[in-house]
């Protein structure tokens, strides 16, 4: 739930995929997930009970949805949501 999409291929294809290695960009992706969890009180993709469904969503380019008021009853500011979204850019070079 916190792993960058490009790392899903790490074990399978690490020799042929330089972007599949852990990097600063993959850490930035994970930071976005942690920021979402800290602010909302919910893990990324909390609405998906099956971890395989999460992996498939990531592989398809989907990202966690806006948490709304979250567990703490406070709405996430648009500016913070935008920063988190930038952390989740599909292309690691764009993070």
C-alpha atoms as a PDB file:
ATOM      1  CA  UNK A   1       0.000   0.000   0.000  1.00  0.00           C
ATOM      2  CA  UNK A   2       2.999   2.288   0.458  1.00  0.00           C
ATOM      3  CA  UNK A   3       5.261   0.860  -2.249  1.00  0.00           C
ATOM      4  CA  UNK A   4       5.904   2.796  -5.458  1.00  0.00           C
ATOM      5  CA  UNK A   5       4.380   1.101  -8.522  1.00  0.00           C
ATOM      6  CA  UNK A   6       7.736   0.669 -10.253  1.00  0.00           C
ATOM      7  CA  UNK A   7       8.986  -1.415  -7.314  1.00  0.00           C
ATOM      8  CA  UNK A   8       6.258  -3.991  -7.887  1.00  0.00           C
ATOM      9  CA  UNK A   9       8.495  -5.317 -10.671  1.00  0.00           C
ATOM     10  CA  UNK A  10      11.714  -5.159  -8.636  1.00  0.00           C
ATOM     11  CA  UNK A  11      12.084  -8.864  -7.796  1.00  0.00           C
ATOM     12  CA  UNK A  12      10.879 -10.039 -11.187  1.00  0.00           C
ATOM     13  CA  UNK A  13      12.888  -7.831 -13.507  1.00  0.00           C
ATOM     14  CA  UNK A  14      15.529  -5.905 -11.536  1.00  0.00           C
ATOM     15  CA  UNK A  15      18.355  -6.600 -14.007  1.00  0.00           C
ATOM     16  CA  UNK A  16      16.491  -5.084 -16.963  1.00  0.00           C
ATOM     17  CA  UNK A  17      14.688  -2.255 -15.221  1.00  0.00           C
ATOM     18  CA  UNK A  18      16.770   0.523 -13.638  1.00  0.00           C
ATOM     19  CA  UNK A  19      13.577   2.280 -12.471  1.00  0.00           C
ATOM     20  CA  UNK A  20      12.587  -0.887 -10.609  1.00  0.00           C
ATOM     21  CA  UNK A  21      15.245  -0.332  -7.937  1.00  0.00           C
ATOM     22  CA  UNK A  22      14.526   1.551  -4.704  1.00  0.00           C
ATOM     23  CA  UNK A  23      15.392   5.221  -5.173  1.00  0.00           C
ATOM     24  CA  UNK A  24      14.741   8.723  -3.920  1.00  0.00           C
ATOM     25  CA  UNK A  25      11.725   8.820  -6.267  1.00  0.00           C
ATOM     26  CA  UNK A  26      10.263   5.631  -4.773  1.00  0.00           C
ATOM     27  CA  UNK A  27      10.805   7.084  -1.289  1.00  0.00           C
ATOM     28  CA  UNK A  28       8.911  10.225  -2.340  1.00  0.00           C
ATOM     29  CA  UNK A  29       5.999   8.046  -3.499  1.00  0.00           C
ATOM     30  CA  UNK A  30       5.982   6.285  -0.117  1.00  0.00           C
ATOM     31  CA  UNK A  31       6.198   9.627   1.687  1.00  0.00           C
ATOM     32  CA  UNK A  32       2.991  10.679  -0.079  1.00  0.00           C
ATOM     33  CA  UNK A  33       1.306   7.520   1.206  1.00  0.00           C
ATOM     34  CA  UNK A  34       2.518   8.140   4.758  1.00  0.00           C
ATOM     35  CA  UNK A  35       1.369  11.782   4.585  1.00  0.00           C
ATOM     36  CA  UNK A  36      -2.084  10.606   3.495  1.00  0.00           C
ATOM     37  CA  UNK A  37      -2.223   8.116   6.358  1.00  0.00           C
ATOM     38  CA  UNK A  38      -1.024  10.594   8.978  1.00  0.00           C
ATOM     39  CA  UNK A  39      -3.532  13.248   7.966  1.00  0.00           C
ATOM     40  CA  UNK A  40      -6.534  10.993   7.395  1.00  0.00           C
ATOM     41  CA  UNK A  41      -5.908   8.210   9.909  1.00  0.00           C
ATOM     42  CA  UNK A  42      -6.489   5.656   7.149  1.00  0.00           C
ATOM     43  CA  UNK A  43      -4.043   3.520   5.199  1.00  0.00           C
ATOM     44  CA  UNK A  44      -3.820   4.091   1.434  1.00  0.00           C
ATOM     45  CA  UNK A  45      -6.608   2.231  -0.383  1.00  0.00           C
ATOM     46  CA  UNK A  46      -8.351   1.622   2.965  1.00  0.00           C
ATOM     47  CA  UNK A  47     -11.505   0.874   0.979  1.00  0.00           C
ATOM     48  CA  UNK A  48      -9.829  -2.164  -0.665  1.00  0.00           C
ATOM     49  CA  UNK A  49      -9.795  -5.170   1.669  1.00  0.00           C
ATOM     50  CA  UNK A  50      -7.737  -7.340  -0.671  1.00  0.00           C
ATOM     51  CA  UNK A  51      -4.046  -6.467  -1.069  1.00  0.00           C
ATOM     52  CA  UNK A  52      -3.976  -7.984  -4.560  1.00  0.00           C
ATOM     53  CA  UNK A  53      -6.687  -5.516  -5.592  1.00  0.00           C
ATOM     54  CA  UNK A  54      -4.396  -2.729  -4.381  1.00  0.00           C
ATOM     55  CA  UNK A  55      -1.503  -4.074  -6.475  1.00  0.00           C
ATOM     56  CA  UNK A  56      -3.726  -4.308  -9.559  1.00  0.00           C
ATOM     57  CA  UNK A  57      -4.957  -0.751  -9.026  1.00  0.00           C
ATOM     58  CA  UNK A  58      -1.381   0.518  -8.755  1.00  0.00           C
ATOM     59  CA  UNK A  59      -0.357  -1.365 -11.892  1.00  0.00           C
ATOM     60  CA  UNK A  60      -3.241   0.310 -13.738  1.00  0.00           C
ATOM     61  CA  UNK A  61      -2.086   3.756 -12.638  1.00  0.00           C
ATOM     62  CA  UNK A  62      -4.801   4.285 -10.023  1.00  0.00           C
ATOM     63  CA  UNK A  63      -3.995   6.149  -6.841  1.00  0.00           C
ATOM     64  CA  UNK A  64      -5.754   6.334  -3.471  1.00  0.00           C
ATOM     65  CA  UNK A  65      -8.819   8.528  -3.512  1.00  0.00           C
ATOM     66  CA  UNK A  66      -9.237  11.697  -1.499  1.00  0.00           C
ATOM     67  CA  UNK A  67      -9.982  10.723   2.119  1.00  0.00           C
ATOM     68  CA  UNK A  68     -12.685  13.347   2.688  1.00  0.00           C
ATOM     69  CA  UNK A  69     -12.928  14.145   6.391  1.00  0.00           C
ATOM     70  CA  UNK A  70     -10.966  11.048   7.309  1.00  0.00           C
ATOM     71  CA  UNK A  71     -10.974   9.384  10.676  1.00  0.00           C
ATOM     72  CA  UNK A  72     -10.126  12.597  12.524  1.00  0.00           C
ATOM     73  CA  UNK A  73     -13.046  14.585  11.120  1.00  0.00           C
ATOM     74  CA  UNK A  74     -10.963  17.191   9.324  1.00  0.00           C
ATOM     75  CA  UNK A  75     -11.011  17.757   5.606  1.00  0.00           C
ATOM     76  CA  UNK A  76      -7.678  17.654   3.787  1.00  0.00           C
ATOM     77  CA  UNK A  77      -6.745  21.044   2.294  1.00  0.00           C
ATOM     78  CA  UNK A  78      -6.540  21.110  -1.504  1.00  0.00           C
ATOM     79  CA  UNK A  79      -2.910  22.266  -1.314  1.00  0.00           C
ATOM     80  CA  UNK A  80      -1.878  19.223   0.715  1.00  0.00           C
ATOM     81  CA  UNK A  81      -3.807  16.880  -1.589  1.00  0.00           C
ATOM     82  CA  UNK A  82      -1.991  18.418  -4.570  1.00  0.00           C
ATOM     83  CA  UNK A  83       1.420  17.864  -2.952  1.00  0.00           C
ATOM     84  CA  UNK A  84       0.530  14.254  -2.167  1.00  0.00           C
ATOM     85  CA  UNK A  85      -0.635  13.800  -5.763  1.00  0.00           C
ATOM     86  CA  UNK A  86       2.720  15.081  -7.009  1.00  0.00           C
ATOM     87  CA  UNK A  87       4.428  12.469  -4.820  1.00  0.00           C
ATOM     88  CA  UNK A  88       2.407   9.837  -6.675  1.00  0.00           C
ATOM     89  CA  UNK A  89       3.364  10.812 -10.225  1.00  0.00           C
ATOM     90  CA  UNK A  90       3.425   7.710 -12.437  1.00  0.00           C
ATOM     91  CA  UNK A  91       6.812   8.644 -13.890  1.00  0.00           C
ATOM     92  CA  UNK A  92       9.417   8.481 -11.093  1.00  0.00           C
ATOM     93  CA  UNK A  93      11.344  11.383 -12.678  1.00  0.00           C
ATOM     94  CA  UNK A  94       8.304  13.637 -12.127  1.00  0.00           C
ATOM     95  CA  UNK A  95       8.234  13.163  -8.359  1.00  0.00           C
END
